[in-house]
Amino acid sequence: MPCWLFKSEPDTWSWDQQVAKGDEGEEWGGVRNYLARNNMRAMKVGDRGFFYHSNIGKEIVGIVEVCRESQPDSTADDPRWDCVMIKAVQPVPSPVTLEDVKAAPELADMVLVKNSRMSVQPVTDREWAIVCRMAGL
């Protein structure tokens, strides 16, 4: 099953806010990058992802799940933009910082390392397993 990473600035949308949405989840709207949008278009219900706090903290803080496949983004007036809906699954016992990821040689090719500005990015099965281990899962 494909895995992903969703980046959010915690002062805009935090892990606690995501958790508060419960099983209803939250639309991952506002993305205006074609590659990130295409990543969301590839997602299926049940796909898992890391929830990453960017700018403040710069760390993976939780696991989310896609609960609705890509549909038009309600925050956009342009039909080119769409998004998925995600729900919180669980916090990670030990947040994994960007510094931790960059320090792990086996994660050197991870999109988070190579293209840290990408807001929605794929994570390989191998990277998923390594980061989960680092997070205490």
N, C-alpha and C. Protein backbone atom coordinates (compact mmCIF):
# COMPACT_ATOMS: atom_id res chain seq x y z
N MET A 1 0.85 -1.18 0.00
CA MET A 1 0.00 0.00 0.00
C MET A 1 0.90 1.25 0.00
N PRO A 2 0.62 2.19 -0.86
CA PRO A 2 1.44 3.42 -0.90
C PRO A 2 1.38 4.19 0.42
N CYS A 3 2.48 4.85 0.72
CA CYS A 3 2.59 5.68 1.92
C CYS A 3 2.96 7.10 1.51
N TRP A 4 2.64 8.05 2.37
CA TRP A 4 2.78 9.46 2.03
C TRP A 4 3.27 10.26 3.23
N LEU A 5 3.58 11.52 2.98
CA LEU A 5 3.91 12.47 4.04
C LEU A 5 3.15 13.75 3.74
N PHE A 6 2.42 14.25 4.73
CA PHE A 6 1.65 15.48 4.62
C PHE A 6 2.29 16.53 5.52
N LYS A 7 2.66 17.67 4.93
CA LYS A 7 3.31 18.73 5.70
C LYS A 7 2.33 19.84 6.02
N SER A 8 2.38 20.31 7.25
CA SER A 8 1.55 21.42 7.68
C SER A 8 2.29 22.28 8.69
N GLU A 9 2.13 23.57 8.55
CA GLU A 9 2.68 24.47 9.55
C GLU A 9 1.77 24.40 10.77
N PRO A 10 2.30 24.03 11.93
CA PRO A 10 1.43 23.80 13.09
C PRO A 10 0.68 25.03 13.58
N ASP A 11 1.15 26.23 13.23
CA ASP A 11 0.39 27.42 13.61
C ASP A 11 -0.76 27.69 12.63
N THR A 12 -0.81 26.91 11.53
CA THR A 12 -1.91 27.00 10.57
C THR A 12 -2.86 25.81 10.75
N TRP A 13 -2.30 24.60 10.77
CA TRP A 13 -3.07 23.37 11.00
C TRP A 13 -2.17 22.39 11.72
N SER A 14 -2.50 22.08 12.97
CA SER A 14 -1.63 21.26 13.81
C SER A 14 -2.14 19.83 13.93
N TRP A 15 -1.28 18.99 14.46
CA TRP A 15 -1.66 17.61 14.75
C TRP A 15 -2.87 17.58 15.70
N ASP A 16 -2.87 18.43 16.72
CA ASP A 16 -4.00 18.45 17.67
C ASP A 16 -5.30 18.81 16.96
N GLN A 17 -5.25 19.74 16.01
CA GLN A 17 -6.45 20.08 15.25
C GLN A 17 -6.89 18.90 14.38
N GLN A 18 -5.92 18.21 13.79
CA GLN A 18 -6.24 17.04 12.97
C GLN A 18 -6.92 15.97 13.82
N VAL A 19 -6.38 15.71 14.99
CA VAL A 19 -6.95 14.72 15.91
C VAL A 19 -8.37 15.12 16.29
N ALA A 20 -8.59 16.41 16.54
CA ALA A 20 -9.91 16.90 16.96
C ALA A 20 -10.98 16.66 15.90
N LYS A 21 -10.60 16.50 14.65
CA LYS A 21 -11.57 16.25 13.58
C LYS A 21 -12.12 14.82 13.62
N GLY A 22 -11.47 13.95 14.39
CA GLY A 22 -11.96 12.58 14.55
C GLY A 22 -12.02 11.80 13.25
N ASP A 23 -12.94 10.84 13.20
CA ASP A 23 -13.07 9.99 12.02
C ASP A 23 -13.59 10.74 10.80
N GLU A 24 -14.19 11.90 11.03
CA GLU A 24 -14.67 12.73 9.92
C GLU A 24 -13.49 13.16 9.05
N GLY A 25 -12.36 13.43 9.67
CA GLY A 25 -11.17 13.87 8.95
C GLY A 25 -11.26 15.31 8.50
N GLU A 26 -10.28 15.70 7.74
CA GLU A 26 -10.19 17.08 7.25
C GLU A 26 -9.69 17.08 5.82
N GLU A 27 -10.28 17.95 5.02
CA GLU A 27 -9.83 18.13 3.64
C GLU A 27 -8.41 18.68 3.65
N TRP A 28 -7.51 18.08 2.86
CA TRP A 28 -6.14 18.56 2.78
C TRP A 28 -6.06 19.57 1.64
N GLY A 29 -6.78 20.68 1.83
CA GLY A 29 -6.91 21.70 0.78
C GLY A 29 -5.81 22.73 0.81
N GLY A 30 -5.86 23.59 -0.18
CA GLY A 30 -4.93 24.70 -0.26
C GLY A 30 -3.62 24.39 -0.94
N VAL A 31 -3.45 23.17 -1.42
CA VAL A 31 -2.20 22.80 -2.09
C VAL A 31 -2.24 23.33 -3.51
N ARG A 32 -1.21 24.10 -3.88
CA ARG A 32 -1.16 24.70 -5.22
C ARG A 32 0.15 24.35 -5.92
N ASN A 33 0.48 23.08 -5.86
CA ASN A 33 1.66 22.56 -6.54
C ASN A 33 1.19 21.34 -7.32
N TYR A 34 1.52 21.29 -8.62
CA TYR A 34 1.01 20.21 -9.46
C TYR A 34 1.49 18.83 -9.03
N LEU A 35 2.75 18.71 -8.64
CA LEU A 35 3.25 17.41 -8.23
C LEU A 35 2.57 16.93 -6.94
N ALA A 36 2.40 17.84 -5.99
CA ALA A 36 1.69 17.48 -4.74
C ALA A 36 0.25 17.11 -5.05
N ARG A 37 -0.40 17.87 -5.93
CA ARG A 37 -1.78 17.54 -6.32
C ARG A 37 -1.84 16.17 -6.98
N ASN A 38 -0.89 15.89 -7.86
CA ASN A 38 -0.87 14.59 -8.53
C ASN A 38 -0.63 13.46 -7.54
N ASN A 39 0.18 13.71 -6.52
CA ASN A 39 0.36 12.71 -5.47
C ASN A 39 -0.98 12.41 -4.81
N MET A 40 -1.76 13.45 -4.53
CA MET A 40 -3.08 13.22 -3.90
C MET A 40 -4.02 12.49 -4.84
N ARG A 41 -3.93 12.78 -6.13
CA ARG A 41 -4.79 12.08 -7.10
C ARG A 41 -4.47 10.59 -7.15
N ALA A 42 -3.26 10.20 -6.78
CA ALA A 42 -2.86 8.80 -6.79
C ALA A 42 -3.29 8.06 -5.53
N MET A 43 -3.73 8.77 -4.52
CA MET A 43 -4.06 8.15 -3.22
C MET A 43 -5.39 7.42 -3.25
N LYS A 44 -5.45 6.39 -2.44
CA LYS A 44 -6.67 5.60 -2.27
C LYS A 44 -7.07 5.61 -0.80
N VAL A 45 -8.35 5.42 -0.54
CA VAL A 45 -8.83 5.32 0.84
C VAL A 45 -8.07 4.20 1.53
N GLY A 46 -7.59 4.49 2.72
CA GLY A 46 -6.83 3.52 3.50
C GLY A 46 -5.32 3.73 3.41
N ASP A 47 -4.84 4.49 2.41
CA ASP A 47 -3.41 4.79 2.36
C ASP A 47 -3.01 5.51 3.64
N ARG A 48 -1.82 5.22 4.14
CA ARG A 48 -1.31 5.85 5.36
C ARG A 48 -0.30 6.94 5.03
N GLY A 49 -0.16 7.87 5.95
CA GLY A 49 0.82 8.93 5.77
C GLY A 49 1.34 9.42 7.10
N PHE A 50 2.50 10.06 7.02
CA PHE A 50 3.05 10.75 8.18
C PHE A 50 2.49 12.17 8.21
N PHE A 51 2.19 12.66 9.39
CA PHE A 51 1.79 14.06 9.59
C PHE A 51 3.02 14.79 10.09
N TYR A 52 3.48 15.76 9.31
CA TYR A 52 4.74 16.44 9.57
C TYR A 52 4.50 17.91 9.87
N HIS A 53 5.00 18.38 11.00
CA HIS A 53 4.95 19.80 11.34
C HIS A 53 6.13 20.49 10.67
N SER A 54 5.84 21.39 9.73
CA SER A 54 6.91 22.11 9.05
C SER A 54 7.11 23.48 9.71
N ASN A 55 8.22 24.09 9.41
CA ASN A 55 8.61 25.41 9.92
C ASN A 55 8.80 25.45 11.44
N ILE A 56 7.79 25.07 12.20
CA ILE A 56 7.90 25.05 13.66
C ILE A 56 7.98 23.59 14.08
N GLY A 57 9.09 23.19 14.63
CA GLY A 57 9.26 21.81 15.05
C GLY A 57 9.98 20.96 14.02
N LYS A 58 9.54 21.04 12.79
CA LYS A 58 10.12 20.25 11.69
C LYS A 58 10.27 18.79 12.12
N GLU A 59 9.09 18.15 12.36
CA GLU A 59 9.13 16.78 12.83
C GLU A 59 7.85 16.03 12.47
N ILE A 60 8.01 14.73 12.31
CA ILE A 60 6.87 13.83 12.09
C ILE A 60 6.26 13.57 13.45
N VAL A 61 4.97 13.90 13.59
CA VAL A 61 4.32 13.81 14.89
C VAL A 61 3.17 12.80 14.95
N GLY A 62 2.74 12.30 13.79
CA GLY A 62 1.62 11.38 13.81
C GLY A 62 1.45 10.61 12.52
N ILE A 63 0.51 9.67 12.57
CA ILE A 63 0.13 8.85 11.42
C ILE A 63 -1.30 9.22 11.04
N VAL A 64 -1.53 9.43 9.75
CA VAL A 64 -2.86 9.74 9.24
C VAL A 64 -3.25 8.70 8.20
N GLU A 65 -4.52 8.71 7.84
CA GLU A 65 -5.04 7.80 6.83
C GLU A 65 -5.94 8.56 5.88
N VAL A 66 -5.85 8.25 4.60
CA VAL A 66 -6.74 8.86 3.61
C VAL A 66 -8.13 8.28 3.82
N CYS A 67 -9.11 9.16 4.04
CA CYS A 67 -10.49 8.70 4.27
C CYS A 67 -11.44 9.14 3.15
N ARG A 68 -10.95 9.92 2.19
CA ARG A 68 -11.72 10.26 0.98
C ARG A 68 -10.72 10.52 -0.14
N GLU A 69 -10.97 9.92 -1.28
CA GLU A 69 -10.07 10.12 -2.41
C GLU A 69 -10.22 11.52 -2.98
N SER A 70 -9.33 11.84 -3.89
CA SER A 70 -9.23 13.18 -4.45
C SER A 70 -10.54 13.67 -5.07
N GLN A 71 -10.91 14.87 -4.67
CA GLN A 71 -12.09 15.56 -5.18
C GLN A 71 -11.75 17.04 -5.29
N PRO A 72 -12.61 17.84 -5.92
CA PRO A 72 -12.31 19.27 -6.02
C PRO A 72 -12.03 19.90 -4.66
N ASP A 73 -11.02 20.75 -4.63
CA ASP A 73 -10.60 21.46 -3.42
C ASP A 73 -11.58 22.59 -3.15
N SER A 74 -12.23 22.55 -2.00
CA SER A 74 -13.24 23.57 -1.68
C SER A 74 -12.62 24.95 -1.46
N THR A 75 -11.30 25.03 -1.29
CA THR A 75 -10.64 26.32 -1.09
C THR A 75 -10.19 26.96 -2.40
N ALA A 76 -10.46 26.29 -3.53
CA ALA A 76 -10.00 26.78 -4.83
C ALA A 76 -11.16 27.18 -5.73
N ASP A 77 -10.97 28.26 -6.48
CA ASP A 77 -11.94 28.65 -7.49
C ASP A 77 -11.61 28.03 -8.84
N ASP A 78 -10.45 27.42 -8.94
CA ASP A 78 -9.93 26.85 -10.17
C ASP A 78 -10.12 25.34 -10.15
N PRO A 79 -10.77 24.76 -11.14
CA PRO A 79 -11.05 23.32 -11.13
C PRO A 79 -9.80 22.43 -11.28
N ARG A 80 -8.64 23.02 -11.53
CA ARG A 80 -7.42 22.22 -11.64
C ARG A 80 -6.97 21.66 -10.29
N TRP A 81 -7.47 22.24 -9.20
CA TRP A 81 -6.98 21.87 -7.87
C TRP A 81 -7.98 20.97 -7.15
N ASP A 82 -7.47 19.87 -6.65
CA ASP A 82 -8.30 19.00 -5.84
C ASP A 82 -7.45 18.44 -4.71
N CYS A 83 -8.10 17.67 -3.84
CA CYS A 83 -7.40 17.20 -2.65
C CYS A 83 -8.10 15.99 -2.06
N VAL A 84 -7.41 15.33 -1.14
CA VAL A 84 -7.97 14.20 -0.40
C VAL A 84 -8.44 14.69 0.96
N MET A 85 -9.07 13.80 1.68
CA MET A 85 -9.42 14.06 3.07
C MET A 85 -8.65 13.04 3.90
N ILE A 86 -8.07 13.50 5.02
CA ILE A 86 -7.31 12.59 5.89
C ILE A 86 -7.85 12.65 7.31
N LYS A 87 -7.62 11.55 8.03
CA LYS A 87 -7.98 11.52 9.45
C LYS A 87 -6.78 11.04 10.25
N ALA A 88 -6.70 11.49 11.49
CA ALA A 88 -5.62 11.07 12.39
C ALA A 88 -5.83 9.61 12.78
N VAL A 89 -4.75 8.86 12.83
CA VAL A 89 -4.79 7.46 13.27
C VAL A 89 -4.15 7.35 14.65
N GLN A 90 -2.92 7.86 14.79
CA GLN A 90 -2.25 7.81 16.08
C GLN A 90 -1.05 8.75 16.09
N PRO A 91 -0.73 9.26 17.28
CA PRO A 91 0.51 10.04 17.39
C PRO A 91 1.69 9.08 17.38
N VAL A 92 2.86 9.58 17.04
CA VAL A 92 4.06 8.74 17.17
C VAL A 92 4.59 8.90 18.59
N PRO A 93 5.08 7.81 19.20
CA PRO A 93 5.60 7.91 20.57
C PRO A 93 6.77 8.89 20.69
N SER A 94 7.63 8.91 19.67
CA SER A 94 8.79 9.81 19.68
C SER A 94 8.84 10.55 18.35
N PRO A 95 8.50 11.84 18.34
CA PRO A 95 8.56 12.58 17.08
C PRO A 95 9.93 12.44 16.41
N VAL A 96 9.91 12.35 15.08
CA VAL A 96 11.13 12.20 14.29
C VAL A 96 11.38 13.53 13.59
N THR A 97 12.48 14.18 13.96
CA THR A 97 12.80 15.49 13.41
C THR A 97 13.42 15.37 12.03
N LEU A 98 13.38 16.49 11.31
CA LEU A 98 14.04 16.56 10.02
C LEU A 98 15.53 16.28 10.19
N GLU A 99 16.09 16.78 11.26
CA GLU A 99 17.50 16.53 11.57
C GLU A 99 17.77 15.03 11.72
N ASP A 100 16.86 14.31 12.40
CA ASP A 100 16.99 12.86 12.56
C ASP A 100 16.96 12.16 11.21
N VAL A 101 16.02 12.57 10.36
CA VAL A 101 15.88 11.96 9.03
C VAL A 101 17.14 12.20 8.21
N LYS A 102 17.64 13.43 8.22
CA LYS A 102 18.84 13.75 7.45
C LYS A 102 20.07 13.03 7.97
N ALA A 103 20.09 12.70 9.25
CA ALA A 103 21.23 12.02 9.86
C ALA A 103 21.24 10.52 9.56
N ALA A 104 20.14 9.98 9.07
CA ALA A 104 20.04 8.55 8.79
C ALA A 104 20.46 8.29 7.33
N PRO A 105 21.61 7.68 7.12
CA PRO A 105 22.10 7.46 5.75
C PRO A 105 21.10 6.70 4.87
N GLU A 106 20.35 5.78 5.48
CA GLU A 106 19.38 4.99 4.71
C GLU A 106 18.18 5.81 4.24
N LEU A 107 18.05 7.05 4.73
CA LEU A 107 16.96 7.94 4.30
C LEU A 107 17.45 9.08 3.41
N ALA A 108 18.68 8.97 2.92
CA ALA A 108 19.28 10.05 2.12
C ALA A 108 18.49 10.36 0.85
N ASP A 109 17.76 9.39 0.31
CA ASP A 109 16.99 9.62 -0.92
C ASP A 109 15.53 9.95 -0.66
N MET A 110 15.14 10.06 0.58
CA MET A 110 13.75 10.39 0.92
C MET A 110 13.40 11.77 0.38
N VAL A 111 12.19 11.93 -0.16
CA VAL A 111 11.78 13.22 -0.72
C VAL A 111 11.90 14.32 0.33
N LEU A 112 11.61 14.02 1.58
CA LEU A 112 11.73 15.01 2.65
C LEU A 112 13.13 15.60 2.72
N VAL A 113 14.13 14.80 2.39
CA VAL A 113 15.52 15.26 2.39
C VAL A 113 15.86 15.99 1.09
N LYS A 114 15.42 15.44 -0.02
CA LYS A 114 15.80 15.97 -1.33
C LYS A 114 14.96 17.16 -1.79
N ASN A 115 13.69 17.20 -1.39
CA ASN A 115 12.78 18.26 -1.81
C ASN A 115 11.90 18.63 -0.63
N SER A 116 12.49 19.23 0.37
CA SER A 116 11.80 19.47 1.63
C SER A 116 10.62 20.43 1.50
N ARG A 117 10.51 21.15 0.39
CA ARG A 117 9.40 22.09 0.23
C ARG A 117 8.12 21.44 -0.27
N MET A 118 8.19 20.21 -0.76
CA MET A 118 7.02 19.52 -1.29
C MET A 118 6.03 19.23 -0.16
N SER A 119 4.80 19.72 -0.29
CA SER A 119 3.84 19.63 0.81
C SER A 119 3.16 18.27 0.96
N VAL A 120 3.08 17.52 -0.13
CA VAL A 120 2.50 16.17 -0.10
C VAL A 120 3.44 15.30 -0.91
N GLN A 121 4.06 14.33 -0.26
CA GLN A 121 5.12 13.57 -0.93
C GLN A 121 5.00 12.08 -0.67
N PRO A 122 5.49 11.29 -1.62
CA PRO A 122 5.48 9.84 -1.43
C PRO A 122 6.57 9.41 -0.46
N VAL A 123 6.32 8.28 0.20
CA VAL A 123 7.28 7.65 1.11
C VAL A 123 7.34 6.19 0.70
N THR A 124 8.54 5.68 0.47
CA THR A 124 8.66 4.26 0.09
C THR A 124 8.36 3.37 1.29
N ASP A 125 8.08 2.11 1.00
CA ASP A 125 7.83 1.14 2.08
C ASP A 125 9.04 1.06 3.01
N ARG A 126 10.23 1.06 2.44
CA ARG A 126 11.46 0.98 3.24
C ARG A 126 11.60 2.21 4.13
N GLU A 127 11.37 3.39 3.56
CA GLU A 127 11.45 4.63 4.35
C GLU A 127 10.40 4.62 5.45
N TRP A 128 9.20 4.16 5.13
CA TRP A 128 8.13 4.08 6.12
C TRP A 128 8.56 3.23 7.32
N ALA A 129 9.10 2.06 7.02
CA ALA A 129 9.52 1.15 8.09
C ALA A 129 10.63 1.76 8.94
N ILE A 130 11.58 2.42 8.30
CA ILE A 130 12.69 3.03 9.04
C ILE A 130 12.19 4.15 9.93
N VAL A 131 11.37 5.03 9.39
CA VAL A 131 10.86 6.17 10.18
C VAL A 131 9.96 5.66 11.31
N CYS A 132 9.13 4.66 11.05
CA CYS A 132 8.30 4.10 12.12
C CYS A 132 9.16 3.55 13.24
N ARG A 133 10.24 2.89 12.90
CA ARG A 133 11.15 2.36 13.92
C ARG A 133 11.77 3.52 14.72
N MET A 134 12.20 4.56 14.02
CA MET A 134 12.77 5.72 14.69
C MET A 134 11.76 6.39 15.62
N ALA A 135 10.48 6.31 15.24
CA ALA A 135 9.41 6.95 16.01
C ALA A 135 8.92 6.09 17.18
N GLY A 136 9.46 4.89 17.29
CA GLY A 136 9.06 4.01 18.39
C GLY A 136 7.82 3.20 18.10
N LEU A 137 7.49 3.04 16.84
CA LEU A 137 6.32 2.23 16.45
C LEU A 137 6.74 0.82 16.06
